[in-house]
């Protein structure tokens, strides 16, 4: 594993789905992405693949998640029974590999108090480290400022665990941008993720829940730009820049030095998490590559240590020595 005194890497953004409930996200994918779909579906339900990739890349810890929209077919809602089964399976996988794996509970935030109760169970009984929620409902008409999502956010704040806001394919916008290929799909996903964070900034949620911590992936970074844009913050929230730096963390969703530099400049090096988005985006993750990217972003030694894994451990409440 890592050399003494050298930063250990925590990969915050790793998808793993219970094989008993395989992902339905790509069920209606176009023929041209069939090979990508087949490879991704095969890897995303393979826990051995998750562990082997970590070992081969010298990654100390991987944080697993399965957002509801990844598992459910488009236009459907996961039954509460299935959500519980997904979380039970994830907790068992984490318990079988202490330190090597952590898990974020699958939570359908739009189910109100029922969702909050499942998050509480997942954290207090199953010992999962936080929640992953969809950024919006299927049509993109309800964002995380919706009253139905408040119980989940309130419970996360009470328990001191983060909420990972994962993008979806919003109906309508995804279709509208379909003509520009996969880039259009990514743009639609990033737009809805950014919109959900901006909705939170525009609301009083962060004022009401001072201990709430939100994580967004890099794809939602336009919200950071608009949240700090000169002359616009009054229209969003006069506290938007402060809320971004207090409540919001961002995962790098890859290892591009320019993107990492931007995130550090906006939310601070102590609020940036390393994330691969594997196996969907990254085929692999390698510690040497990661540390080189952080150095190329101009980070000093302390910030490299923080972004590589220190921030994730602090956010998730994990001892510094776990996984090293």
Protein backbone atom coordinates (compact mmCIF):
# COMPACT_ATOMS: atom_id res chain seq x y z
CA UNK A 1 0.00 0.00 0.00
CA UNK A 2 0.99 3.66 0.30
CA UNK A 3 4.44 4.57 1.44
CA UNK A 4 4.71 5.99 4.94
CA UNK A 5 4.02 9.71 4.90
CA UNK A 6 2.66 9.65 1.36
CA UNK A 7 -1.02 10.58 0.85
CA UNK A 8 -3.47 7.71 0.77
CA UNK A 9 -6.24 8.00 -1.82
CA UNK A 10 -9.95 7.77 -1.06
CA UNK A 11 -12.15 7.44 -4.15
CA UNK A 12 -15.44 9.08 -3.14
CA UNK A 13 -17.42 8.41 -6.33
CA UNK A 14 -17.72 4.70 -7.08
CA UNK A 15 -20.90 3.04 -8.32
CA UNK A 16 -21.75 -0.43 -7.10
CA UNK A 17 -25.20 -1.98 -7.50
CA UNK A 18 -26.64 -4.98 -5.70
CA UNK A 19 -26.61 -7.82 -8.29
CA UNK A 20 -30.12 -8.76 -7.12
CA UNK A 21 -31.30 -5.35 -8.36
CA UNK A 22 -29.19 -4.59 -11.45
CA UNK A 23 -29.21 -1.10 -12.98
CA UNK A 24 -32.03 -0.26 -15.36
CA UNK A 25 -30.68 3.14 -16.41
CA UNK A 26 -29.41 1.87 -19.77
CA UNK A 27 -32.32 -0.46 -20.49
CA UNK A 28 -33.47 1.69 -23.42
CA UNK A 29 -30.04 2.91 -24.51
CA UNK A 30 -29.33 3.31 -28.21
CA UNK A 31 -27.61 0.47 -30.10
CA UNK A 32 -24.44 2.50 -30.57
CA UNK A 33 -23.80 2.45 -26.82
CA UNK A 34 -24.64 -1.23 -26.41
CA UNK A 35 -21.03 -2.28 -25.81
CA UNK A 36 -20.50 0.47 -23.26
CA UNK A 37 -23.75 -0.52 -21.54
CA UNK A 38 -22.82 -4.19 -21.47
CA UNK A 39 -19.35 -3.54 -20.03
CA UNK A 40 -20.63 -1.05 -17.46
CA UNK A 41 -23.51 -3.23 -16.26
CA UNK A 42 -21.14 -6.18 -15.91
CA UNK A 43 -18.64 -4.21 -13.82
CA UNK A 44 -21.10 -2.22 -11.73
CA UNK A 45 -22.49 -5.34 -10.03
CA UNK A 46 -19.07 -6.95 -9.51
CA UNK A 47 -17.69 -6.29 -6.04
CA UNK A 48 -14.50 -8.17 -6.87
CA UNK A 49 -13.91 -5.72 -9.72
CA UNK A 50 -14.28 -2.80 -7.29
CA UNK A 51 -11.75 -4.33 -4.91
CA UNK A 52 -9.31 -5.44 -7.61
CA UNK A 53 -9.30 -1.98 -9.18
CA UNK A 54 -8.52 -0.47 -5.78
CA UNK A 55 -5.70 -2.92 -5.14
CA UNK A 56 -4.17 -2.55 -8.59
CA UNK A 57 -4.32 1.24 -8.41
CA UNK A 58 -3.10 1.41 -4.79
CA UNK A 59 -6.33 3.07 -3.63
CA UNK A 60 -6.83 2.96 0.13
CA UNK A 61 -10.62 3.26 0.29
CA UNK A 62 -13.53 3.36 -2.14
CA UNK A 63 -16.90 4.89 -1.27
CA UNK A 64 -19.75 2.99 -2.95
CA UNK A 65 -23.15 4.31 -4.00
CA UNK A 66 -26.19 3.37 -6.08
CA UNK A 67 -28.45 6.38 -6.74
CA UNK A 68 -32.13 5.50 -7.16
CA UNK A 69 -32.24 6.63 -10.81
CA UNK A 70 -29.37 4.26 -11.63
CA UNK A 71 -31.32 1.25 -10.40
CA UNK A 72 -34.91 2.14 -11.30
CA UNK A 73 -36.29 2.09 -14.81
CA UNK A 74 -37.08 5.53 -16.23
CA UNK A 75 -40.36 6.89 -14.92
CA UNK A 76 -40.58 4.43 -12.03
CA UNK A 77 -39.94 4.60 -8.30
CA UNK A 78 -38.03 2.01 -6.32
CA UNK A 79 -40.31 0.24 -3.82
CA UNK A 80 -39.31 0.81 -0.20
CA UNK A 81 -38.58 -2.91 0.12
CA UNK A 82 -36.04 -2.75 -2.71
CA UNK A 83 -34.35 0.31 -1.20
CA UNK A 84 -33.95 -1.54 2.09
CA UNK A 85 -32.56 -4.60 0.34
CA UNK A 86 -30.03 -2.48 -1.58
CA UNK A 87 -28.85 -0.86 1.64
CA UNK A 88 -28.70 -4.16 3.51
CA UNK A 89 -26.55 -5.64 0.75
CA UNK A 90 -24.26 -2.60 0.64
CA UNK A 91 -23.80 -2.64 4.41
CA UNK A 92 -22.83 -6.32 4.29
CA UNK A 93 -20.24 -5.62 1.58
CA UNK A 94 -18.76 -2.75 3.58
CA UNK A 95 -18.67 -4.82 6.78
CA UNK A 96 -16.86 -7.61 4.95
CA UNK A 97 -14.08 -5.23 3.86
CA UNK A 98 -13.53 -2.78 6.73
CA UNK A 99 -11.45 0.21 5.77
CA UNK A 100 -11.31 -0.82 2.14
CA UNK A 101 -14.95 0.05 1.44
CA UNK A 102 -17.42 2.64 2.71
CA UNK A 103 -21.00 3.05 1.59
CA UNK A 104 -23.60 5.75 0.97
CA UNK A 105 -27.17 4.62 1.54
CA UNK A 106 -29.57 4.68 -1.38
CA UNK A 107 -32.35 7.11 -0.44
CA UNK A 108 -35.35 8.26 -2.46
CA UNK A 109 -35.52 11.77 -1.04
CA UNK A 110 -38.98 12.39 -2.54
CA UNK A 111 -40.59 9.90 -0.13
CA UNK A 112 -40.65 12.33 2.77
CA UNK A 113 -40.49 10.90 6.28
CA UNK A 114 -40.28 7.35 4.97
CA UNK A 115 -37.01 8.24 3.21
CA UNK A 116 -35.72 9.95 6.35
CA UNK A 117 -36.48 6.85 8.41
CA UNK A 118 -34.55 4.67 5.98
CA UNK A 119 -31.58 7.02 6.09
CA UNK A 120 -31.62 6.90 9.89
CA UNK A 121 -31.75 3.09 9.82
CA UNK A 122 -28.95 2.91 7.27
CA UNK A 123 -26.65 5.11 9.35
CA UNK A 124 -27.48 4.06 12.91
CA UNK A 125 -28.12 0.34 12.36
CA UNK A 126 -26.25 -0.52 9.15
CA UNK A 127 -23.36 1.90 9.80
CA UNK A 128 -23.36 3.40 6.32
CA UNK A 129 -21.58 6.74 6.00
CA UNK A 130 -24.13 9.00 4.32
CA UNK A 131 -26.73 9.09 1.58
CA UNK A 132 -26.89 9.30 -2.19
CA UNK A 133 -30.01 10.94 -3.63
CA UNK A 134 -31.18 11.94 -7.07
CA UNK A 135 -30.83 15.63 -7.91
CA UNK A 136 -34.45 15.79 -9.07
CA UNK A 137 -37.50 13.76 -9.88
CA UNK A 138 -37.65 12.03 -13.24
CA UNK A 139 -39.10 15.01 -15.07
CA UNK A 140 -36.83 17.51 -13.35
CA UNK A 141 -39.85 19.34 -11.94
CA UNK A 142 -39.00 18.79 -8.27
CA UNK A 143 -35.55 19.74 -6.97
CA UNK A 144 -34.05 19.31 -3.51
CA UNK A 145 -35.68 22.47 -2.19
CA UNK A 146 -39.01 20.63 -2.50
CA UNK A 147 -40.68 20.10 0.90
CA UNK A 148 -40.80 16.35 0.31
CA UNK A 149 -36.98 16.20 0.36
CA UNK A 150 -36.61 18.21 3.55
CA UNK A 151 -36.95 15.27 5.99
CA UNK A 152 -34.00 13.51 4.34
CA UNK A 153 -31.86 16.65 4.47
CA UNK A 154 -32.88 17.33 8.06
CA UNK A 155 -32.02 13.77 9.11
CA UNK A 156 -28.63 13.89 7.38
CA UNK A 157 -27.83 17.12 9.22
CA UNK A 158 -28.93 15.62 12.54
CA UNK A 159 -26.81 12.51 11.99
CA UNK A 160 -23.82 14.51 10.75
CA UNK A 161 -23.54 12.61 7.45
CA UNK A 162 -23.21 14.00 3.91
CA UNK A 163 -25.74 13.84 1.10
CA UNK A 164 -24.32 13.07 -2.35
CA UNK A 165 -26.54 14.77 -4.95
CA UNK A 166 -26.28 12.64 -8.06
CA UNK A 167 -27.41 13.76 -11.52
CA UNK A 168 -30.25 12.17 -13.45
CA UNK A 169 -31.38 12.15 -17.09
CA UNK A 170 -34.24 14.68 -16.88
CA UNK A 171 -37.02 13.94 -19.32
CA UNK A 172 -37.55 16.71 -21.84
CA UNK A 173 -34.16 18.34 -21.54
CA UNK A 174 -32.35 15.07 -22.25
CA UNK A 175 -34.50 14.55 -25.34
CA UNK A 176 -34.00 18.15 -26.43
CA UNK A 177 -30.21 17.81 -26.29
CA UNK A 178 -30.09 14.32 -27.73
CA UNK A 179 -29.02 15.63 -31.14
CA UNK A 180 -25.53 16.47 -29.90
CA UNK A 181 -24.88 12.93 -28.72
CA UNK A 182 -23.41 11.87 -25.39
CA UNK A 183 -22.26 15.42 -24.72
CA UNK A 184 -25.91 16.48 -24.80
CA UNK A 185 -26.83 13.83 -22.26
CA UNK A 186 -24.00 14.94 -19.99
CA UNK A 187 -25.06 18.58 -20.37
CA UNK A 188 -28.62 17.70 -19.37
CA UNK A 189 -27.38 15.74 -16.36
CA UNK A 190 -25.03 18.51 -15.27
CA UNK A 191 -27.73 21.13 -15.71
CA UNK A 192 -30.22 19.37 -13.44
CA UNK A 193 -27.55 18.73 -10.81
CA UNK A 194 -26.54 22.39 -10.85
CA UNK A 195 -30.19 23.46 -10.75
CA UNK A 196 -30.83 21.42 -7.61
CA UNK A 197 -27.91 23.01 -5.79
CA UNK A 198 -28.95 26.49 -6.95
CA UNK A 199 -32.46 25.77 -5.66
CA UNK A 200 -30.99 24.95 -2.25
CA UNK A 201 -28.94 28.15 -2.31
CA UNK A 202 -32.07 30.12 -3.20
CA UNK A 203 -34.05 28.51 -0.36
CA UNK A 204 -33.59 28.74 3.40
CA UNK A 205 -32.50 25.10 3.74
CA UNK A 206 -28.87 25.87 4.55
CA UNK A 207 -29.96 28.55 7.03
CA UNK A 208 -32.34 26.11 8.70
CA UNK A 209 -29.85 23.21 8.71
CA UNK A 210 -26.42 24.62 9.60
CA UNK A 211 -24.92 21.13 9.86
CA UNK A 212 -26.06 19.96 6.42
CA UNK A 213 -23.26 18.93 4.07
CA UNK A 214 -23.96 18.42 0.35
CA UNK A 215 -21.66 16.82 -2.20
CA UNK A 216 -22.06 17.42 -5.92
CA UNK A 217 -19.98 15.94 -8.73
CA UNK A 218 -17.92 18.10 -11.06
CA UNK A 219 -20.65 17.83 -13.69
CA UNK A 220 -22.76 20.16 -11.53
CA UNK A 221 -20.01 22.80 -11.33
CA UNK A 222 -22.02 25.46 -13.24
CA UNK A 223 -23.84 26.01 -9.95
CA UNK A 224 -20.53 27.11 -8.42
CA UNK A 225 -20.03 29.66 -11.17
CA UNK A 226 -23.53 31.09 -10.83
CA UNK A 227 -23.38 30.92 -7.04
CA UNK A 228 -20.43 33.30 -6.96
CA UNK A 229 -21.01 35.33 -10.13
CA UNK A 230 -20.65 39.06 -9.53
CA UNK A 231 -24.00 40.80 -9.42
CA UNK A 232 -26.01 37.60 -9.46
CA UNK A 233 -25.64 36.34 -5.90
CA UNK A 234 -28.31 38.73 -4.62
CA UNK A 235 -30.79 37.07 -6.95
CA UNK A 236 -29.87 33.62 -5.66
CA UNK A 237 -29.05 34.27 -2.04
CA UNK A 238 -26.98 36.98 -0.45
CA UNK A 239 -25.29 34.20 1.51
CA UNK A 240 -24.58 32.02 -1.55
CA UNK A 241 -20.76 32.30 -1.51
CA UNK A 242 -20.64 31.59 2.23
CA UNK A 243 -23.02 28.66 1.88
CA UNK A 244 -20.95 27.21 -0.95
CA UNK A 245 -17.83 27.25 1.18
CA UNK A 246 -19.56 25.94 4.30
CA UNK A 247 -22.12 23.43 3.08
CA UNK A 248 -20.95 22.26 -0.34
CA UNK A 249 -18.29 19.73 -1.29
CA UNK A 250 -17.43 18.75 -4.85
CA UNK A 251 -15.95 15.54 -6.17
CA UNK A 252 -13.50 15.81 -9.06
CA UNK A 253 -15.28 13.18 -11.21
CA UNK A 254 -11.97 12.45 -12.89
CA UNK A 255 -8.46 13.78 -12.68
CA UNK A 256 -8.26 16.87 -14.88
CA UNK A 257 -5.83 19.38 -13.28
CA UNK A 258 -7.60 22.47 -14.68
CA UNK A 259 -10.96 21.35 -13.28
CA UNK A 260 -9.41 20.52 -9.93
CA UNK A 261 -7.80 23.96 -9.76
CA UNK A 262 -11.15 25.63 -10.44
CA UNK A 263 -12.90 23.65 -7.70
CA UNK A 264 -10.17 24.49 -5.19
CA UNK A 265 -10.37 28.18 -6.07
CA UNK A 266 -14.15 28.31 -5.61
CA UNK A 267 -14.93 26.11 -2.59
CA UNK A 268 -11.45 25.70 -1.08
CA UNK A 269 -9.07 22.76 -1.01
CA UNK A 270 -10.76 21.49 2.16
CA UNK A 271 -14.05 20.98 0.30
CA UNK A 272 -12.81 19.06 -2.75
CA UNK A 273 -13.05 15.25 -2.82
CA UNK A 274 -11.35 12.89 -5.20
CA UNK A 275 -13.85 10.93 -7.31
CA UNK A 276 -13.46 8.63 -10.30
CA UNK A 277 -17.15 7.99 -11.19
CA UNK A 278 -16.13 4.45 -11.99
CA UNK A 279 -16.96 2.26 -13.74
CA UNK A 280 -19.10 4.70 -15.76
CA UNK A 281 -16.50 7.40 -16.50
CA UNK A 282 -13.15 6.04 -15.35
CA UNK A 283 -12.03 2.61 -16.51
CA UNK A 284 -9.45 2.59 -13.74
CA UNK A 285 -7.95 4.77 -11.03
CA UNK A 286 -4.27 4.84 -10.18
CA UNK A 287 -2.74 6.54 -7.15
CA UNK A 288 0.33 7.75 -9.06
CA UNK A 289 -1.87 9.32 -11.75
CA UNK A 290 -4.08 10.95 -9.12
CA UNK A 291 -1.22 12.51 -7.17
CA UNK A 292 0.38 13.76 -10.40
CA UNK A 293 -2.89 15.44 -11.39
CA UNK A 294 -3.19 17.15 -8.01
CA UNK A 295 0.37 18.40 -8.27
CA UNK A 296 -0.27 19.64 -11.83
CA UNK A 297 -3.25 21.59 -10.47
CA UNK A 298 -0.77 23.59 -8.39
CA UNK A 299 -1.76 22.18 -5.01
CA UNK A 300 0.81 22.22 -2.23
CA UNK A 301 1.61 19.16 -0.12
CA UNK A 302 -1.03 19.86 2.52
CA UNK A 303 -3.77 20.42 -0.07
CA UNK A 304 -2.78 17.29 -2.00
CA UNK A 305 -3.12 15.25 1.17
CA UNK A 306 -6.51 16.82 1.88
CA UNK A 307 -8.00 16.35 -1.60
CA UNK A 308 -6.52 12.88 -2.10
CA UNK A 309 -8.28 11.47 0.92
CA UNK A 310 -8.15 13.60 4.05
CA UNK A 311 -11.28 15.59 3.21
CA UNK A 312 -13.33 12.47 2.48
CA UNK A 313 -12.30 10.84 5.72
CA UNK A 314 -13.16 13.94 7.71
CA UNK A 315 -16.51 14.35 5.96
CA UNK A 316 -17.41 10.69 6.44
CA UNK A 317 -16.14 10.52 10.00
CA UNK A 318 -13.47 7.93 9.26
CA UNK A 319 -10.27 7.67 11.32
CA UNK A 320 -7.18 8.85 9.47
CA UNK A 321 -5.49 5.47 9.67
CA UNK A 322 -8.37 3.47 8.22
CA UNK A 323 -7.52 1.98 4.84
CA UNK A 324 -3.82 2.88 4.91
